[in-house]
Amino acid sequence: MTTEEQKSDKFWLVVGAITLTLVTVLVLVKKNEDDKFAPIKQQLDEEVQQMNIRVLN
């Protein structure tokens, strides 16, 4: 291998590592958001159910 090929190989390894890191961070942030807003979503779902009961009755 020449020095240029080694630099190219390292470049793609770095690109792959950065991409994997960014994807992991995005997944963790999205999961954290879902956990944070879960009680609010549950409350909204309960309100919708109560509204539906009133309309049906």
C-alpha atoms as a PDB file:
ATOM      1  CA  MET A   1       0.000   0.000   0.000  1.00  0.00           C
ATOM      2  CA  THR A   2       1.136   3.469  -0.702  1.00  0.00           C
ATOM      3  CA  THR A   3       0.823   6.360   1.672  1.00  0.00           C
ATOM      4  CA  GLU A   4      -1.983   7.835  -0.439  1.00  0.00           C
ATOM      5  CA  GLU A   5      -4.017   4.605  -0.192  1.00  0.00           C
ATOM      6  CA  GLN A   6      -3.553   4.541   3.580  1.00  0.00           C
ATOM      7  CA  LYS A   7      -4.772   8.145   3.838  1.00  0.00           C
ATOM      8  CA  SER A   8      -7.805   7.271   1.689  1.00  0.00           C
ATOM      9  CA  ASP A   9      -8.601   4.251   3.864  1.00  0.00           C
ATOM     10  CA  LYS A  10      -8.314   6.329   7.030  1.00  0.00           C
ATOM     11  CA  PHE A  11     -10.480   9.044   5.483  1.00  0.00           C
ATOM     12  CA  TRP A  12     -13.352   6.614   4.874  1.00  0.00           C
ATOM     13  CA  LEU A  13     -12.957   5.136   8.348  1.00  0.00           C
ATOM     14  CA  VAL A  14     -13.228   8.630   9.828  1.00  0.00           C
ATOM     15  CA  VAL A  15     -16.256   9.434   7.641  1.00  0.00           C
ATOM     16  CA  GLY A  16     -17.909   6.180   8.735  1.00  0.00           C
ATOM     17  CA  ALA A  17     -17.192   6.836  12.402  1.00  0.00           C
ATOM     18  CA  ILE A  18     -18.571  10.385  12.223  1.00  0.00           C
ATOM     19  CA  THR A  19     -21.701   9.156  10.427  1.00  0.00           C
ATOM     20  CA  LEU A  20     -22.265   6.422  12.998  1.00  0.00           C
ATOM     21  CA  THR A  21     -21.807   8.922  15.827  1.00  0.00           C
ATOM     22  CA  LEU A  22     -24.287  11.385  14.330  1.00  0.00           C
ATOM     23  CA  VAL A  23     -26.895   8.683  13.756  1.00  0.00           C
ATOM     24  CA  THR A  24     -26.480   7.455  17.331  1.00  0.00           C
ATOM     25  CA  VAL A  25     -26.863  10.971  18.732  1.00  0.00           C
ATOM     26  CA  LEU A  26     -30.006  11.562  16.658  1.00  0.00           C
ATOM     27  CA  VAL A  27     -31.565   8.289  17.834  1.00  0.00           C
ATOM     28  CA  LEU A  28     -30.802   9.074  21.475  1.00  0.00           C
ATOM     29  CA  VAL A  29     -32.217  12.606  21.202  1.00  0.00           C
ATOM     30  CA  LYS A  30     -35.387  11.297  19.538  1.00  0.00           C
ATOM     31  CA  LYS A  31     -35.855   8.666  22.257  1.00  0.00           C
ATOM     32  CA  ASN A  32     -35.320  11.291  24.936  1.00  0.00           C
ATOM     33  CA  GLU A  33     -37.958  13.516  23.299  1.00  0.00           C
ATOM     34  CA  ASP A  34     -40.436  10.651  23.189  1.00  0.00           C
ATOM     35  CA  ASP A  35     -39.844   9.912  26.880  1.00  0.00           C
ATOM     36  CA  LYS A  36     -40.171  13.571  27.824  1.00  0.00           C
ATOM     37  CA  PHE A  37     -43.452  14.149  25.994  1.00  0.00           C
ATOM     38  CA  ALA A  38     -45.053  10.763  26.754  1.00  0.00           C
ATOM     39  CA  PRO A  39     -47.174  12.095  29.677  1.00  0.00           C
ATOM     40  CA  ILE A  40     -48.474  14.959  27.539  1.00  0.00           C
ATOM     41  CA  LYS A  41     -49.351  12.581  24.692  1.00  0.00           C
ATOM     42  CA  GLN A  42     -51.127  10.286  27.143  1.00  0.00           C
ATOM     43  CA  GLN A  43     -53.149  13.195  28.512  1.00  0.00           C
ATOM     44  CA  LEU A  44     -54.136  14.302  25.003  1.00  0.00           C
ATOM     45  CA  ASP A  45     -55.209  10.746  24.138  1.00  0.00           C
ATOM     46  CA  GLU A  46     -57.346  10.590  27.294  1.00  0.00           C
ATOM     47  CA  GLU A  47     -58.985  13.910  26.417  1.00  0.00           C
ATOM     48  CA  VAL A  48     -59.783  12.648  22.920  1.00  0.00           C
ATOM     49  CA  GLN A  49     -61.337   9.517  24.394  1.00  0.00           C
ATOM     50  CA  GLN A  50     -63.479  11.605  26.745  1.00  0.00           C
ATOM     51  CA  MET A  51     -64.597  13.818  23.873  1.00  0.00           C
ATOM     52  CA  ASN A  52     -65.577  10.746  21.855  1.00  0.00           C
ATOM     53  CA  ILE A  53     -67.626   9.354  24.745  1.00  0.00           C
ATOM     54  CA  ARG A  54     -69.531  12.647  25.062  1.00  0.00           C
ATOM     55  CA  VAL A  55     -70.318  12.705  21.356  1.00  0.00           C
ATOM     56  CA  LEU A  56     -71.449   9.087  21.292  1.00  0.00           C
ATOM     57  CA  ASN A  57     -73.631   9.499  24.374  1.00  0.00           C
END
